[in-house]
PDB file of N, CA and C in Angstrom:
ATOM      1  N   MET A   1     241.767  72.792 164.246  1.00  0.00           N
ATOM      2  CA  MET A   1     241.857  72.263 162.905  1.00  0.00           C
ATOM      3  C   MET A   1     242.411  74.201 162.247  1.00  0.00           C
ATOM      4  N   SER A   2     243.339  73.939 161.464  1.00  0.00           N
ATOM      5  CA  SER A   2     244.356  74.906 160.106  1.00  0.00           C
ATOM      6  C   SER A   2     243.109  74.964 159.036  1.00  0.00           C
ATOM      7  N   ARG A   3     243.104  76.719 159.015  1.00  0.00           N
ATOM      8  CA  ARG A   3     242.574  76.879 157.837  1.00  0.00           C
ATOM      9  C   ARG A   3     243.558  76.230 156.533  1.00  0.00           C
ATOM     10  N   ARG A   4     242.596  76.208 155.570  1.00  0.00           N
ATOM     11  CA  ARG A   4     243.388  75.917 154.536  1.00  0.00           C
ATOM     12  C   ARG A   4     242.842  76.906 153.337  1.00  0.00           C
ATOM     13  N   VAL A   5     244.503  76.837 152.938  1.00  0.00           N
ATOM     14  CA  VAL A   5     244.481  77.949 151.472  1.00  0.00           C
ATOM     15  C   VAL A   5     244.445  77.236 150.302  1.00  0.00           C
ATOM     16  N   MET A   6     243.283  78.314 149.625  1.00  0.00           N
ATOM     17  CA  MET A   6     242.937  77.804 148.164  1.00  0.00           C
ATOM     18  C   MET A   6     243.802  78.956 147.279  1.00  0.00           C
ATOM     19  N   ILE A   7     244.442  77.718 146.491  1.00  0.00           N
ATOM     20  CA  ILE A   7     245.822  78.012 145.379  1.00  0.00           C
ATOM     21  C   ILE A   7     245.239  77.093 144.406  1.00  0.00           C
ATOM     22  N   SER A   8     244.871  78.738 142.946  1.00  0.00           N
ATOM     23  CA  SER A   8     244.481  77.762 141.902  1.00  0.00           C
ATOM     24  C   SER A   8     245.761  77.352 141.327  1.00  0.00           C
ATOM     25  N   ASP A   9     245.465  76.047 140.335  1.00  0.00           N
ATOM     26  CA  ASP A   9     246.564  75.686 139.118  1.00  0.00           C
ATOM     27  C   ASP A   9     246.919  77.237 138.774  1.00  0.00           C
ATOM     28  N   ASP A  10     246.735  78.864 138.099  1.00  0.00           N
ATOM     29  CA  ASP A  10     247.419  79.019 137.272  1.00  0.00           C
ATOM     30  C   ASP A  10     248.760  79.507 138.546  1.00  0.00           C
ATOM     31  N   GLU A  11     248.109  79.945 140.272  1.00  0.00           N
ATOM     32  CA  GLU A  11     249.280  80.491 140.623  1.00  0.00           C
ATOM     33  C   GLU A  11     250.483  79.876 141.356  1.00  0.00           C
ATOM     34  N   ILE A  12     249.867  77.727 141.007  1.00  0.00           N
ATOM     35  CA  ILE A  12     250.608  77.154 141.562  1.00  0.00           C
ATOM     36  C   ILE A  12     251.569  77.329 140.380  1.00  0.00           C
ATOM     37  N   GLN A  13     251.621  77.809 139.235  1.00  0.00           N
ATOM     38  CA  GLN A  13     252.188  77.629 137.669  1.00  0.00           C
ATOM     39  C   GLN A  13     253.424  79.204 137.582  1.00  0.00           C
ATOM     40  N   GLN A  14     253.050  79.757 138.076  1.00  0.00           N
ATOM     41  CA  GLN A  14     252.674  81.800 138.408  1.00  0.00           C
ATOM     42  C   GLN A  14     254.155  81.358 139.112  1.00  0.00           C
ATOM     43  N   ALA A  15     254.341  80.645 140.754  1.00  0.00           N
ATOM     44  CA  ALA A  15     255.079  80.570 141.560  1.00  0.00           C
ATOM     45  C   ALA A  15     256.066  79.477 140.906  1.00  0.00           C
ATOM     46  N   LYS A  16     255.905  78.701 139.806  1.00  0.00           N
ATOM     47  CA  LYS A  16     256.998  78.434 139.806  1.00  0.00           C
ATOM     48  C   LYS A  16     257.722  79.332 138.657  1.00  0.00           C
ATOM     49  N   GLN A  17     257.162  79.896 137.993  1.00  0.00           N
ATOM     50  CA  GLN A  17     257.592  80.703 137.189  1.00  0.00           C
ATOM     51  C   GLN A  17     258.427  81.464 137.669  1.00  0.00           C
ATOM     52  N   LEU A  18     258.330  81.819 139.729  1.00  0.00           N
ATOM     53  CA  LEU A  18     259.076  83.366 139.657  1.00  0.00           C
ATOM     54  C   LEU A  18     259.641  82.666 140.539  1.00  0.00           C
ATOM     55  N   ARG A  19     259.992  80.963 141.167  1.00  0.00           N
ATOM     56  CA  ARG A  19     260.992  80.434 141.415  1.00  0.00           C
ATOM     57  C   ARG A  19     262.054  80.081 141.057  1.00  0.00           C
ATOM     58  N   ASP A  20     261.900  79.542 139.138  1.00  0.00           N
ATOM     59  CA  ASP A  20     262.493  79.644 138.340  1.00  0.00           C
ATOM     60  C   ASP A  20     263.571  81.117 138.007  1.00  0.00           C
ATOM     61  N   GLN A  21     262.559  82.034 138.735  1.00  0.00           N
ATOM     62  CA  GLN A  21     263.475  83.376 138.000  1.00  0.00           C
ATOM     63  C   GLN A  21     264.005  83.704 138.982  1.00  0.00           C
ATOM     64  N   THR A  22     264.200  83.776 140.517  1.00  0.00           N
ATOM     65  CA  THR A  22     264.908  83.973 141.483  1.00  0.00           C
ATOM     66  C   THR A  22     266.244  83.833 141.564  1.00  0.00           C
ATOM     67  N   THR A  23     267.255  85.276 142.560  1.00  0.00           N
ATOM     68  CA  THR A  23     268.301  84.904 142.939  1.00  0.00           C
ATOM     69  C   THR A  23     267.955  85.200 144.196  1.00  0.00           C
ATOM     70  N   SER A  24     267.093  85.537 145.075  1.00  0.00           N
ATOM     71  CA  SER A  24     267.234  85.215 146.242  1.00  0.00           C
ATOM     72  C   SER A  24     266.813  84.018 147.280  1.00  0.00           C
ATOM     73  N   MET A  25     267.669  83.534 148.740  1.00  0.00           N
ATOM     74  CA  MET A  25     266.521  82.797 149.416  1.00  0.00           C
ATOM     75  C   MET A  25     265.003  83.149 149.935  1.00  0.00           C
ATOM     76  N   ALA A  26     264.872  84.249 150.188  1.00  0.00           N
ATOM     77  CA  ALA A  26     263.541  84.850 150.629  1.00  0.00           C
ATOM     78  C   ALA A  26     262.575  85.118 149.510  1.00  0.00           C
ATOM     79  N   ASP A  27     263.082  85.450 148.531  1.00  0.00           N
ATOM     80  CA  ASP A  27     262.145  85.245 147.182  1.00  0.00           C
ATOM     81  C   ASP A  27     261.798  83.675 146.442  1.00  0.00           C
ATOM     82  N   TYR A  28     262.722  82.765 147.284  1.00  0.00           N
ATOM     83  CA  TYR A  28     262.666  81.500 146.353  1.00  0.00           C
ATOM     84  C   TYR A  28     261.491  80.668 147.217  1.00  0.00           C
ATOM     85  N   ARG A  29     261.859  81.347 149.294  1.00  0.00           N
ATOM     86  CA  ARG A  29     260.829  80.290 150.335  1.00  0.00           C
ATOM     87  C   ARG A  29     259.136  81.018 150.089  1.00  0.00           C
ATOM     88  N   LYS A  30     259.533  82.853 149.453  1.00  0.00           N
ATOM     89  CA  LYS A  30     258.454  82.636 149.544  1.00  0.00           C
ATOM     90  C   LYS A  30     257.035  81.937 148.133  1.00  0.00           C
ATOM     91  N   THR A  31     257.974  82.015 147.385  1.00  0.00           N
ATOM     92  CA  THR A  31     257.151  81.368 145.865  1.00  0.00           C
ATOM     93  C   THR A  31     257.174  79.493 146.233  1.00  0.00           C
ATOM     94  N   LEU A  32     258.028  78.811 147.352  1.00  0.00           N
ATOM     95  CA  LEU A  32     257.812  77.770 147.999  1.00  0.00           C
ATOM     96  C   LEU A  32     256.355  77.850 148.944  1.00  0.00           C
ATOM     97  N   SER A  33     256.402  78.248 149.606  1.00  0.00           N
ATOM     98  CA  SER A  33     255.456  78.691 150.661  1.00  0.00           C
ATOM     99  C   SER A  33     253.895  77.898 149.387  1.00  0.00           C
ATOM    100  N   VAL A  34     253.759  78.417 148.423  1.00  0.00           N
ATOM    101  CA  VAL A  34     252.652  78.201 147.916  1.00  0.00           C
ATOM    102  C   VAL A  34     252.639  77.212 147.243  1.00  0.00           C
ATOM    103  N   ILE A  35     254.071  76.741 146.392  1.00  0.00           N
ATOM    104  CA  ILE A  35     254.464  75.481 145.909  1.00  0.00           C
ATOM    105  C   ILE A  35     253.756  74.509 147.197  1.00  0.00           C
ATOM    106  N   LEU A  36     254.758  74.011 148.064  1.00  0.00           N
ATOM    107  CA  LEU A  36     253.961  73.159 149.205  1.00  0.00           C
ATOM    108  C   LEU A  36     252.871  73.063 149.225  1.00  0.00           C
ATOM    109  N   VAL A  37     251.997  74.702 150.184  1.00  0.00           N
ATOM    110  CA  VAL A  37     250.379  74.259 149.588  1.00  0.00           C
ATOM    111  C   VAL A  37     249.699  73.565 148.829  1.00  0.00           C
ATOM    112  N   GLY A  38     250.110  74.688 147.550  1.00  0.00           N
ATOM    113  CA  GLY A  38     248.851  74.377 146.193  1.00  0.00           C
ATOM    114  C   GLY A  38     249.430  73.254 145.868  1.00  0.00           C
ATOM    115  N   GLU A  39     250.448  72.436 145.876  1.00  0.00           N
ATOM    116  CA  GLU A  39     250.746  71.254 145.142  1.00  0.00           C
ATOM    117  C   GLU A  39     250.415  70.067 145.767  1.00  0.00           C
ATOM    118  N   LEU A  40     251.211  70.180 147.079  1.00  0.00           N
ATOM    119  CA  LEU A  40     251.518  68.653 147.547  1.00  0.00           C
ATOM    120  C   LEU A  40     250.908  68.989 148.723  1.00  0.00           C
ATOM    121  N   GLY A  41     249.468  69.915 149.131  1.00  0.00           N
ATOM    122  CA  GLY A  41     248.052  69.600 149.962  1.00  0.00           C
ATOM    123  C   GLY A  41     248.629  69.764 151.429  1.00  0.00           C
ATOM    124  N   LEU A  42     249.896  70.374 151.720  1.00  0.00           N
ATOM    125  CA  LEU A  42     249.684  71.103 153.134  1.00  0.00           C
ATOM    126  C   LEU A  42     249.024  71.887 153.931  1.00  0.00           C
ATOM    127  N   THR A  43     248.918  71.834 155.131  1.00  0.00           N
ATOM    128  CA  THR A  43     248.193  72.846 156.002  1.00  0.00           C
ATOM    129  C   THR A  43     249.371  74.300 155.732  1.00  0.00           C
ATOM    130  N   ALA A  44     248.927  75.249 155.762  1.00  0.00           N
ATOM    131  CA  ALA A  44     249.951  77.009 155.886  1.00  0.00           C
ATOM    132  C   ALA A  44     250.511  76.145 157.071  1.00  0.00           C
ATOM    133  N   ASP A  45     249.600  75.660 157.996  1.00  0.00           N
ATOM    134  CA  ASP A  45     250.969  75.410 159.728  1.00  0.00           C
ATOM    135  C   ASP A  45     251.922  74.362 159.355  1.00  0.00           C
ATOM    136  N   HIS A  46     252.009  73.634 158.618  1.00  0.00           N
ATOM    137  CA  HIS A  46     252.647  72.252 157.841  1.00  0.00           C
ATOM    138  C   HIS A  46     254.184  73.788 157.579  1.00  0.00           C
ATOM    139  N   ALA A  47     253.496  74.545 156.128  1.00  0.00           N
ATOM    140  CA  ALA A  47     254.286  74.961 154.954  1.00  0.00           C
ATOM    141  C   ALA A  47     254.723  75.929 156.212  1.00  0.00           C
ATOM    142  N   SER A  48     254.509  76.622 157.158  1.00  0.00           N
ATOM    143  CA  SER A  48     254.932  77.405 157.666  1.00  0.00           C
ATOM    144  C   SER A  48     255.981  77.570 158.516  1.00  0.00           C
ATOM    145  N   ASP A  49     255.901  75.806 159.080  1.00  0.00           N
ATOM    146  CA  ASP A  49     257.043  75.181 160.027  1.00  0.00           C
ATOM    147  C   ASP A  49     258.248  74.853 159.286  1.00  0.00           C
ATOM    148  N   ILE A  50     257.431  74.004 157.799  1.00  0.00           N
ATOM    149  CA  ILE A  50     258.771  73.576 157.023  1.00  0.00           C
ATOM    150  C   ILE A  50     259.667  74.965 157.032  1.00  0.00           C
ATOM    151  N   LEU A  51     258.714  75.743 156.384  1.00  0.00           N
ATOM    152  CA  LEU A  51     260.126  77.381 156.050  1.00  0.00           C
ATOM    153  C   LEU A  51     260.850  77.966 156.522  1.00  0.00           C
ATOM    154  N   GLY A  52     259.640  77.458 158.233  1.00  0.00           N
ATOM    155  CA  GLY A  52     260.438  79.095 158.889  1.00  0.00           C
ATOM    156  C   GLY A  52     259.347  80.174 159.178  1.00  0.00           C
ATOM    157  N   ILE A  53     258.645  80.299 158.646  1.00  0.00           N
ATOM    158  CA  ILE A  53     257.755  81.201 158.594  1.00  0.00           C
ATOM    159  C   ILE A  53     256.424  81.446 159.666  1.00  0.00           C
ATOM    160  N   SER A  54     255.883  82.727 159.488  1.00  0.00           N
ATOM    161  CA  SER A  54     254.610  81.980 160.013  1.00  0.00           C
ATOM    162  C   SER A  54     253.770  81.534 159.508  1.00  0.00           C
ATOM    163  N   ARG A  55     252.460  81.321 159.583  1.00  0.00           N
ATOM    164  CA  ARG A  55     251.186  81.142 159.073  1.00  0.00           C
ATOM    165  C   ARG A  55     250.061  82.047 158.531  1.00  0.00           C
ATOM    166  N   ARG A  56     250.670  82.784 158.642  1.00  0.00           N
ATOM    167  CA  ARG A  56     249.910  83.988 158.760  1.00  0.00           C
ATOM    168  C   ARG A  56     250.512  84.984 157.074  1.00  0.00           C
ATOM    169  N   THR A  57     251.756  84.783 156.674  1.00  0.00           N
ATOM    170  CA  THR A  57     252.988  84.567 155.764  1.00  0.00           C
ATOM    171  C   THR A  57     252.690  83.905 154.919  1.00  0.00           C
ATOM    172  N   VAL A  58     252.662  82.550 155.104  1.00  0.00           N
ATOM    173  CA  VAL A  58     252.047  81.579 153.586  1.00  0.00           C
ATOM    174  C   VAL A  58     250.628  82.594 153.160  1.00  0.00           C
ATOM    175  N   PHE A  59     249.871  82.861 153.983  1.00  0.00           N
ATOM    176  CA  PHE A  59     249.039  83.526 153.249  1.00  0.00           C
ATOM    177  C   PHE A  59     249.086  85.216 152.320  1.00  0.00           C
ATOM    178  N   ARG A  60     250.213  85.615 152.763  1.00  0.00           N
ATOM    179  CA  ARG A  60     250.783  86.886 152.464  1.00  0.00           C
ATOM    180  C   ARG A  60     251.786  86.767 151.033  1.00  0.00           C
ATOM    181  N   ASN A  61     252.375  85.307 150.977  1.00  0.00           N
ATOM    182  CA  ASN A  61     252.587  84.697 149.958  1.00  0.00           C
ATOM    183  C   ASN A  61     251.894  84.902 148.794  1.00  0.00           C
ATOM    184  N   ARG A  62     250.860  83.940 149.161  1.00  0.00           N
ATOM    185  CA  ARG A  62     250.085  83.425 148.447  1.00  0.00           C
ATOM    186  C   ARG A  62     249.318  84.994 147.449  1.00  0.00           C
ATOM    187  N   ASP A  63     249.137  85.485 148.480  1.00  0.00           N
ATOM    188  CA  ASP A  63     248.956  87.509 148.058  1.00  0.00           C
ATOM    189  C   ASP A  63     249.308  87.856 147.339  1.00  0.00           C
ATOM    190  N   ASN A  64     250.470  88.319 147.594  1.00  0.00           N
ATOM    191  CA  ASN A  64     251.760  87.877 146.558  1.00  0.00           C
ATOM    192  C   ASN A  64     251.615  87.695 145.605  1.00  0.00           C
ATOM    193  N   ILE A  65     251.335  86.402 145.081  1.00  0.00           N
ATOM    194  CA  ILE A  65     251.674  85.549 143.733  1.00  0.00           C
ATOM    195  C   ILE A  65     250.722  85.777 142.796  1.00  0.00           C
ATOM    196  N   ARG A  66     249.640  86.267 143.891  1.00  0.00           N
ATOM    197  CA  ARG A  66     248.215  86.638 143.270  1.00  0.00           C
ATOM    198  C   ARG A  66     248.326  87.591 142.011  1.00  0.00           C
ATOM    199  N   ASN A  67     248.315  89.042 142.723  1.00  0.00           N
ATOM    200  CA  ASN A  67     248.554  89.950 142.857  1.00  0.00           C
ATOM    201  C   ASN A  67     249.584  90.507 141.798  1.00  0.00           C
ATOM    202  N   GLN A  68     250.304  89.613 141.502  1.00  0.00           N
ATOM    203  CA  GLN A  68     251.939  89.688 140.853  1.00  0.00           C
ATOM    204  C   GLN A  68     251.393  90.398 139.670  1.00  0.00           C
ATOM    205  N   GLY A  69     252.051  91.946 139.640  1.00  0.00           N
ATOM    206  CA  GLY A  69     251.805  92.915 138.878  1.00  0.00           C
ATOM    207  C   GLY A  69     250.721  93.745 138.864  1.00  0.00           C
ATOM    208  N   ASP A  70     250.017  93.430 139.188  1.00  0.00           N
ATOM    209  CA  ASP A  70     248.671  94.843 139.607  1.00  0.00           C
ATOM    210  C   ASP A  70     249.484  95.992 140.431  1.00  0.00           C
ATOM    211  N   ASN A  71     249.003  97.209 140.103  1.00  0.00           N
ATOM    212  CA  ASN A  71     249.791  98.147 140.531  1.00  0.00           C
ATOM    213  C   ASN A  71     249.281  98.858 141.658  1.00  0.00           C
ATOM    214  N   ALA A  72     248.457  98.452 142.542  1.00  0.00           N
ATOM    215  CA  ALA A  72     247.833  97.930 143.918  1.00  0.00           C
ATOM    216  C   ALA A  72     248.777  98.803 144.916  1.00  0.00           C
ATOM    217  N   ASP A  73     249.048  99.599 145.644  1.00  0.00           N
ATOM    218  CA  ASP A  73     249.377 100.258 146.797  1.00  0.00           C
ATOM    219  C   ASP A  73     250.217  98.864 147.371  1.00  0.00           C
ATOM    220  N   LYS A  74     251.305  98.433 147.976  1.00  0.00           N
ATOM    221  CA  LYS A  74     251.747  97.259 148.321  1.00  0.00           C
ATOM    222  C   LYS A  74     252.502  97.217 149.832  1.00  0.00           C
ATOM    223  N   SER A  75     252.362  98.897 149.999  1.00  0.00           N
ATOM    224  CA  SER A  75     251.985  99.052 151.859  1.00  0.00           C
ATOM    225  C   SER A  75     250.687  98.917 152.940  1.00  0.00           C
ATOM    226  N   TRP A  76     251.607  99.252 154.361  1.00  0.00           N
ATOM    227  CA  TRP A  76     251.177  98.702 155.021  1.00  0.00           C
ATOM    228  C   TRP A  76     250.218  98.997 155.648  1.00  0.00           C
ATOM    229  N   GLY A  77     250.019 100.450 155.280  1.00  0.00           N
ATOM    230  CA  GLY A  77     248.930 101.366 155.585  1.00  0.00           C
ATOM    231  C   GLY A  77     249.687 102.211 156.474  1.00  0.00           C
ATOM    232  N   GLY A  78     249.151 103.529 157.027  1.00  0.00           N
ATOM    233  CA  GLY A  78     249.535 104.469 157.163  1.00  0.00           C
ATOM    234  C   GLY A  78     249.394 105.734 156.238  1.00  0.00           C
ATOM    235  N   LEU A  79     250.095 106.993 155.981  1.00  0.00           N
ATOM    236  CA  LEU A  79     249.603 108.049 154.993  1.00  0.00           C
ATOM    237  C   LEU A  79     250.296 107.596 153.744  1.00  0.00           C
ATOM    238  N   VAL A  80     249.541 107.914 153.038  1.00  0.00           N
ATOM    239  CA  VAL A  80     250.385 107.830 152.333  1.00  0.00           C
ATOM    240  C   VAL A  80     250.843 109.246 150.973  1.00  0.00           C
ATOM    241  N   ILE A  81     252.166 110.541 150.858  1.00  0.00           N
ATOM    242  CA  ILE A  81     252.261 111.321 150.739  1.00  0.00           C
ATOM    243  C   ILE A  81     251.991 111.426 148.991  1.00  0.00           C
ATOM    244  N   VAL A  82     250.861 111.962 147.955  1.00  0.00           N
ATOM    245  CA  VAL A  82     251.052 111.757 146.857  1.00  0.00           C
ATOM    246  C   VAL A  82     251.926 113.229 146.340  1.00  0.00           C
ATOM    247  N   PRO A  83     252.652 113.642 146.098  1.00  0.00           N
ATOM    248  CA  PRO A  83     252.978 114.268 145.028  1.00  0.00           C
ATOM    249  C   PRO A  83     252.412 115.004 144.186  1.00  0.00           C
TER     250      PRO A  83
END
């Protein structure tokens, strides 16, 4: 059984605002993955199939929207060189 993505109403509203402001298809797809799961109740597997992205990317998109505005490092790891 697919793992459920927990998305709050605030995150859905934030995704809708970002969706309305976006100018690229990639960013639109990111916001749509959050909206499909949060509002329509689709599983991460179904949303990833519809949008042509991986299941893990659905979770990652939710995290990106959740942490929007945070100044946290968005790197995938490795060395961070601080001047």
